[in-house]
Protein backbone atom coordinates (compact mmCIF):
# COMPACT_ATOMS: atom_id res chain seq x y z
CA MET A 1 -40.45 -72.33 -11.50
CA ARG A 2 -41.46 -76.24 -11.25
CA ILE A 3 -45.35 -75.97 -12.88
CA PRO A 4 -48.28 -76.70 -10.15
CA ARG A 5 -48.96 -80.27 -9.49
CA PRO A 6 -52.17 -81.33 -10.58
CA ALA A 7 -53.86 -84.35 -9.14
CA LEU A 8 -52.02 -87.50 -10.06
CA ARG A 9 -53.76 -89.19 -13.05
CA LEU A 10 -51.41 -91.32 -13.71
CA ASP A 11 -49.57 -94.22 -12.15
CA ILE A 12 -45.74 -95.35 -13.60
CA THR A 13 -44.15 -95.47 -10.38
CA ARG A 14 -43.25 -98.81 -11.60
CA LEU A 15 -41.91 -97.28 -15.10
CA VAL A 16 -39.12 -95.06 -13.55
CA SER A 17 -38.52 -96.42 -10.28
CA ALA A 18 -35.25 -98.50 -11.60
CA VAL A 19 -34.23 -95.87 -13.03
CA LEU A 20 -34.22 -93.20 -10.21
CA ILE A 21 -32.52 -96.79 -7.96
CA ALA A 22 -30.03 -96.58 -10.58
CA GLY A 23 -29.39 -93.31 -10.08
CA ILE A 24 -29.99 -91.50 -13.52
CA VAL A 25 -29.62 -87.64 -12.13
CA ALA A 26 -25.97 -88.37 -11.59
CA ALA A 27 -23.67 -86.21 -13.69
CA GLY A 28 -22.18 -87.54 -17.02
CA CYS A 29 -18.92 -87.06 -18.45
CA SER A 30 -17.61 -85.27 -21.66
CA ALA A 31 -14.91 -86.44 -24.25
CA VAL A 32 -12.98 -83.58 -24.05
CA ASP A 33 -9.37 -83.77 -23.78
CA ASP A 34 -8.82 -80.01 -23.24
CA ALA A 35 -8.22 -79.47 -19.68
CA ALA A 36 -9.04 -75.71 -20.07
CA GLY A 37 -12.00 -76.21 -22.02
CA GLY A 38 -12.98 -75.32 -25.53
CA SER A 39 -10.86 -74.30 -28.14
CA SER A 40 -7.35 -73.59 -26.70
CA GLY A 41 -7.22 -70.60 -29.08
CA PRO A 42 -3.54 -68.85 -29.72
CA THR A 43 -0.34 -70.26 -27.84
CA PRO A 44 0.50 -67.85 -24.76
CA VAL A 45 2.79 -65.11 -25.43
CA PRO A 46 5.75 -66.09 -22.69
CA ASP A 47 4.27 -62.52 -20.68
CA ALA A 48 0.80 -63.69 -20.86
CA ILE A 49 -1.11 -62.91 -18.26
CA ASP A 50 -2.30 -66.14 -15.88
CA VAL A 51 -6.04 -66.29 -15.34
CA VAL A 52 -8.35 -68.85 -13.85
CA ALA A 53 -11.81 -69.21 -14.49
CA THR A 54 -14.32 -71.32 -12.62
CA THR A 55 -16.07 -72.59 -15.69
CA THR A 56 -14.96 -73.71 -19.60
CA VAL A 57 -17.63 -71.08 -20.25
CA LEU A 58 -16.09 -68.41 -18.94
CA ALA A 59 -12.31 -69.47 -19.47
CA ASP A 60 -13.16 -69.66 -23.08
CA LEU A 61 -14.87 -65.77 -23.05
CA VAL A 62 -11.55 -64.60 -21.65
CA ARG A 63 -9.68 -66.77 -24.53
CA ARG A 64 -11.34 -64.57 -26.99
CA VAL A 65 -10.99 -61.39 -25.59
CA GLY A 66 -7.17 -61.92 -24.50
CA GLY A 67 -5.89 -63.94 -27.52
CA ALA A 68 -1.96 -64.83 -26.83
CA GLN A 69 -1.95 -62.32 -23.97
CA VAL A 70 -3.73 -64.72 -21.51
CA ASP A 71 -2.50 -67.99 -20.82
CA VAL A 72 -6.26 -69.42 -19.40
CA THR A 73 -7.08 -72.77 -17.65
CA SER A 74 -10.61 -73.89 -15.77
CA LEU A 75 -11.21 -75.22 -12.58
CA VAL A 76 -14.34 -77.19 -13.39
CA PRO A 77 -13.40 -79.60 -16.45
CA PRO A 78 -15.07 -80.11 -19.55
CA GLY A 79 -18.17 -82.12 -18.30
CA GLY A 80 -18.26 -81.22 -14.91
CA GLU A 81 -21.14 -79.92 -12.69
CA VAL A 82 -19.95 -76.32 -11.33
CA HIS A 83 -22.73 -76.33 -8.71
CA THR A 84 -21.22 -79.19 -6.82
CA PHE A 85 -17.33 -79.11 -7.97
CA ASP A 86 -15.51 -79.84 -5.11
CA PRO A 87 -11.52 -78.31 -5.66
CA THR A 88 -8.12 -80.35 -5.28
CA PRO A 89 -5.35 -79.29 -4.16
CA ALA A 90 -3.80 -78.55 -8.05
CA ASP A 91 -6.99 -76.10 -8.43
CA ILE A 92 -5.89 -74.39 -5.10
CA ALA A 93 -1.93 -74.28 -6.70
CA ARG A 94 -3.81 -72.67 -9.55
CA VAL A 95 -5.02 -70.61 -8.09
CA ALA A 96 -2.10 -69.49 -5.86
CA ASP A 97 -0.46 -68.61 -8.96
CA ALA A 98 -2.83 -66.39 -11.18
CA ASP A 99 -3.39 -63.18 -12.34
CA LEU A 100 -6.77 -62.65 -12.38
CA ILE A 101 -9.58 -64.96 -11.31
CA VAL A 102 -12.63 -64.97 -13.40
CA THR A 103 -16.33 -66.01 -11.45
CA ASN A 104 -20.19 -66.04 -12.82
CA GLY A 105 -20.93 -65.19 -8.78
CA LEU A 106 -24.67 -65.21 -7.82
CA GLY A 107 -24.49 -68.14 -6.12
CA LEU A 108 -23.03 -70.44 -8.72
CA ASP A 109 -19.43 -70.44 -7.65
CA ASP A 110 -19.47 -68.76 -4.35
CA TRP A 111 -16.70 -71.56 -3.40
CA VAL A 112 -14.03 -69.77 -5.24
CA ALA A 113 -13.65 -66.86 -2.06
CA ASP A 114 -12.90 -69.42 0.16
CA LEU A 115 -10.41 -71.64 -2.78
CA ALA A 116 -8.64 -67.99 -2.60
CA ARG A 117 -8.45 -67.55 0.59
CA ASP A 118 -7.15 -71.02 1.46
CA SER A 119 -4.20 -70.25 -1.46
CA GLY A 120 -3.26 -67.04 -0.17
CA SER A 121 -4.11 -65.89 -3.63
CA ARG A 122 -3.56 -62.03 -4.41
CA ALA A 123 -5.21 -62.33 -7.72
CA SER A 124 -8.02 -60.16 -8.37
CA ILE A 125 -11.47 -61.54 -8.80
CA VAL A 126 -14.00 -60.35 -10.80
CA THR A 127 -17.48 -61.23 -10.72
CA LEU A 128 -18.84 -61.21 -14.08
CA GLY A 129 -22.57 -61.89 -13.33
CA GLU A 130 -23.30 -59.51 -10.95
CA ASP A 131 -24.44 -55.40 -11.10
CA LEU A 132 -24.24 -56.49 -14.85
CA ALA A 133 -26.16 -53.40 -16.64
CA GLY A 134 -29.10 -53.59 -18.61
CA VAL A 135 -29.73 -57.49 -17.42
CA THR A 136 -33.03 -58.19 -15.71
CA TYR A 137 -32.43 -60.73 -13.35
CA LEU A 138 -34.85 -63.94 -12.91
CA GLU A 139 -35.46 -65.76 -9.55
CA GLY A 140 -33.63 -69.01 -9.07
CA GLU A 141 -34.88 -72.52 -8.41
CA GLY A 142 -35.67 -73.72 -5.20
CA GLN A 143 -34.72 -70.84 -1.91
CA ALA A 144 -36.62 -68.03 -2.00
CA GLY A 145 -35.20 -64.56 -2.62
CA THR A 146 -32.31 -66.63 -4.88
CA VAL A 147 -31.11 -65.32 -8.36
CA ASN A 148 -31.09 -67.12 -11.64
CA PRO A 149 -26.95 -67.03 -12.11
CA HIS A 150 -27.18 -68.44 -15.79
CA LEU A 151 -27.08 -65.10 -17.64
CA TRP A 152 -24.45 -66.12 -20.33
CA MET A 153 -27.34 -68.61 -21.88
CA ASP A 154 -28.53 -65.10 -23.51
CA VAL A 155 -25.68 -63.88 -25.95
CA GLY A 156 -26.78 -60.12 -24.83
CA ASN A 157 -25.85 -60.87 -21.45
CA ALA A 158 -23.01 -62.64 -23.03
CA ILE A 159 -22.02 -59.40 -24.35
CA GLY A 160 -21.29 -57.77 -21.21
CA TYR A 161 -19.98 -60.30 -19.72
CA VAL A 162 -16.65 -59.42 -22.36
CA GLU A 163 -17.08 -55.69 -21.93
CA ARG A 164 -16.23 -57.02 -18.50
CA ILE A 165 -13.67 -58.90 -18.85
CA GLY A 166 -11.81 -56.52 -21.26
CA GLU A 167 -11.62 -54.17 -18.38
CA GLN A 168 -10.44 -56.36 -15.98
CA LEU A 169 -7.61 -57.79 -18.27
CA ALA A 170 -6.53 -54.28 -19.09
CA ALA A 171 -6.80 -53.25 -15.31
CA VAL A 172 -4.28 -55.96 -14.98
CA ASP A 173 -1.96 -55.96 -17.94
CA ALA A 174 -2.19 -52.02 -18.62
CA ALA A 175 0.72 -52.27 -21.15
CA HIS A 176 -1.50 -54.28 -23.58
CA ALA A 177 -4.70 -52.61 -22.57
CA SER A 178 -5.40 -51.75 -26.48
CA VAL A 179 -5.39 -55.45 -27.39
CA TYR A 180 -7.76 -56.43 -24.61
CA GLU A 181 -9.77 -53.57 -26.11
CA THR A 182 -9.40 -54.79 -29.73
CA GLY A 183 -10.46 -58.01 -28.91
CA ALA A 184 -13.57 -57.40 -26.96
CA ALA A 185 -14.97 -55.34 -29.61
CA SER A 186 -14.41 -57.53 -32.07
CA TYR A 187 -15.62 -60.58 -30.34
CA ASP A 188 -19.23 -58.75 -29.36
CA GLU A 189 -19.24 -58.06 -32.81
CA ARG A 190 -19.47 -61.96 -33.51
CA LEU A 191 -21.76 -62.52 -30.25
CA SER A 192 -24.36 -59.65 -31.78
CA ALA A 193 -24.59 -61.28 -35.28
CA LEU A 194 -24.93 -65.34 -33.38
CA ASP A 195 -27.73 -63.21 -30.96
CA ASP A 196 -29.31 -61.90 -34.24
CA SER A 197 -29.17 -65.45 -35.50
CA ALA A 198 -30.83 -67.27 -32.60
CA ARG A 199 -33.43 -64.63 -32.37
CA GLU A 200 -33.98 -65.02 -36.10
CA GLN A 201 -34.07 -68.95 -36.07
CA ILE A 202 -36.22 -69.43 -32.71
CA GLY A 203 -38.94 -66.90 -33.59
CA ALA A 204 -39.52 -68.73 -36.84
CA ILE A 205 -41.64 -71.12 -34.87
CA PRO A 206 -44.61 -71.13 -34.15
CA ALA A 207 -45.56 -69.27 -30.94
CA GLU A 208 -48.23 -72.58 -29.48
CA ARG A 209 -44.88 -74.87 -30.19
CA ARG A 210 -42.33 -73.09 -28.35
CA LYS A 211 -43.89 -74.61 -24.99
CA VAL A 212 -40.76 -76.75 -23.50
CA VAL A 213 -39.37 -78.60 -20.27
CA SER A 214 -36.37 -78.08 -18.92
CA PHE A 215 -34.40 -80.47 -17.37
CA HIS A 216 -33.23 -77.75 -14.56
CA ASP A 217 -33.15 -74.16 -14.23
CA ALA A 218 -30.43 -73.71 -17.00
CA PHE A 219 -32.81 -72.02 -19.26
CA PRO A 220 -34.60 -68.96 -18.58
CA TYR A 221 -32.68 -66.47 -19.47
CA PHE A 222 -32.17 -68.21 -22.81
CA ALA A 223 -35.77 -68.80 -22.71
CA GLU A 224 -36.63 -64.76 -21.97
CA ALA A 225 -34.49 -64.04 -24.60
CA TYR A 226 -35.06 -66.24 -27.44
CA GLY A 227 -38.86 -66.49 -27.47
CA LEU A 228 -39.63 -70.16 -25.30
CA GLU A 229 -42.15 -70.23 -22.85
CA ILE A 230 -41.03 -72.59 -20.25
CA VAL A 231 -43.71 -74.55 -18.40
CA GLY A 232 -41.73 -76.81 -16.10
CA THR A 233 -38.58 -77.94 -14.83
CA VAL A 234 -37.58 -81.57 -14.00
CA ILE A 235 -35.13 -81.04 -10.80
CA ASP A 236 -34.87 -77.78 -8.77
CA ALA A 237 -31.22 -78.26 -8.79
CA PRO A 238 -28.16 -80.81 -9.46
CA GLY A 239 -28.62 -83.34 -6.56
CA GLN A 240 -31.82 -83.25 -5.77
CA ASP A 241 -33.56 -86.44 -7.53
CA PRO A 242 -37.33 -86.20 -8.14
CA SER A 243 -39.33 -89.05 -6.51
CA ALA A 244 -41.17 -91.34 -8.76
CA GLY A 245 -44.61 -89.16 -7.68
CA GLU A 246 -43.40 -86.28 -8.57
CA ILE A 247 -42.04 -87.43 -12.02
CA ALA A 248 -45.83 -88.96 -12.29
CA ASP A 249 -46.90 -85.45 -11.80
CA LEU A 250 -44.88 -83.78 -13.93
CA ILE A 251 -45.91 -85.85 -16.77
CA ASP A 252 -49.64 -85.35 -16.25
CA SER A 253 -49.22 -81.55 -16.32
CA ILE A 254 -47.16 -81.56 -19.49
CA ARG A 255 -49.79 -83.77 -21.18
CA ALA A 256 -52.37 -80.76 -19.67
CA SER A 257 -49.86 -77.66 -21.31
CA GLY A 258 -49.12 -78.17 -24.62
CA ALA A 259 -45.41 -78.67 -24.22
CA THR A 260 -43.84 -80.20 -27.43
CA ALA A 261 -40.11 -80.66 -25.99
CA LEU A 262 -38.22 -81.34 -22.85
CA PHE A 263 -34.45 -80.39 -23.31
CA GLY A 264 -31.71 -81.92 -20.85
CA GLU A 265 -27.90 -81.57 -20.89
CA ALA A 266 -25.14 -83.39 -21.91
CA GLN A 267 -23.98 -83.32 -18.41
CA PHE A 268 -26.76 -85.31 -16.71
CA ASN A 269 -27.45 -88.75 -17.58
CA PRO A 270 -30.45 -89.02 -20.49
CA GLN A 271 -32.07 -91.48 -19.42
CA LEU A 272 -34.56 -89.77 -16.76
CA ALA A 273 -35.37 -87.04 -19.45
CA GLN A 274 -35.67 -89.68 -22.26
CA THR A 275 -38.24 -91.61 -19.84
CA ILE A 276 -40.42 -88.56 -19.09
CA ALA A 277 -40.30 -87.37 -22.35
CA ASP A 278 -41.20 -90.78 -23.84
CA GLU A 279 -44.35 -90.84 -21.34
CA ALA A 280 -45.89 -87.53 -22.04
CA GLY A 281 -45.64 -88.20 -25.85
CA ILE A 282 -42.88 -85.35 -26.87
CA ALA A 283 -39.86 -84.54 -28.26
CA VAL A 284 -36.95 -84.84 -26.27
CA VAL A 285 -32.62 -83.27 -26.76
CA THR A 286 -30.47 -84.59 -23.99
CA ASP A 287 -27.36 -83.76 -25.07
CA LEU A 288 -27.72 -79.92 -24.88
CA TYR A 289 -24.75 -77.44 -22.89
CA THR A 290 -25.68 -74.83 -20.33
CA ASP A 291 -22.82 -74.77 -17.43
CA SER A 292 -19.73 -76.64 -19.08
CA LEU A 293 -18.59 -76.60 -23.09
CA GLY A 294 -18.41 -79.75 -25.04
CA GLY A 295 -16.60 -81.57 -27.77
CA PRO A 296 -16.73 -80.04 -31.66
CA PRO A 297 -18.57 -77.97 -32.18
CA ALA A 298 -19.55 -76.79 -29.32
CA ASP A 299 -16.09 -76.36 -27.62
CA THR A 300 -16.47 -72.90 -27.78
CA TYR A 301 -19.04 -70.00 -26.42
CA GLU A 302 -19.94 -69.27 -30.17
CA GLY A 303 -20.43 -73.15 -31.25
CA MET A 304 -22.38 -74.10 -27.94
CA ILE A 305 -25.09 -71.95 -28.57
CA ARG A 306 -24.65 -72.57 -32.32
CA TRP A 307 -25.46 -75.96 -31.39
CA ASP A 308 -28.31 -75.40 -28.85
CA VAL A 309 -30.08 -72.99 -30.96
CA GLU A 310 -29.93 -75.90 -34.02
CA ARG A 311 -30.82 -78.98 -30.80
CA VAL A 312 -33.96 -76.10 -29.83
CA VAL A 313 -35.54 -75.51 -33.36
CA ASP A 314 -35.07 -79.18 -34.85
CA ALA A 315 -36.85 -80.68 -31.46
CA LEU A 316 -39.66 -77.74 -32.13
CA GLN A 317 -40.54 -78.61 -35.58
CA ARG A 318 -41.23 -82.31 -35.00
């Protein structure tokens, strides 16, 4: 939730107007060549089931569970923006041929339902984020009553995703159910170790230095799990550009809050985050990954989380 706006005490309209006019919140592009997103993993066997995921993050989770028994593609390409994704005719063909469609749900990729219907797909659709056991769902930004969909940024929730993926793969391909059970169990162990490592690294930072600002609302589950306090957000949702006055108020509030760092993401142009951080006098990171994987070493879910944790810790220690 955006922090309350105090009375404006800082006149920086001229400072940011040129940046805003230039469209600094436009989505950027990630230099990743793998169309499926992330490390390709083992070569699929001839009878591998065809799985279509909405994002590179979800595609990688499926790949780690299914191994060579799955042939996985991501509809949203690396560096793409899932919130505003516009499917192409080629995407419709992919969905039509799929054996399983993997989505997040919670409003993030609800466009998939229409895509599946229009394609005539008979594939099962699994929604990983909804009704997940043990999750305390957090409120979304913007419209009242919405739920923040970025559950996977808490590795503990990603473990829940993995268990559901294993079950769904086994339901579609019962002949290889033991492969998926073993894959999910092995991956769960690695993710548990990753979760512990993230807690240990960020938890070692003094609490007063763990007040941060996020670029959009992708970090609440990460913050809740690993002990960060989000005291401000730059944009409510991708495509909703803040005004120069709103930015000035936000900078004023950042200074009053004692925040130590601003975290932006690689899919967004870094200029706005850099401008705000420079004016507020705090550290800035503009190349974190949340909705999409990146290039190595952030080209897998595990690599993405390690990358984000390392960058966060480095910023908070400055």
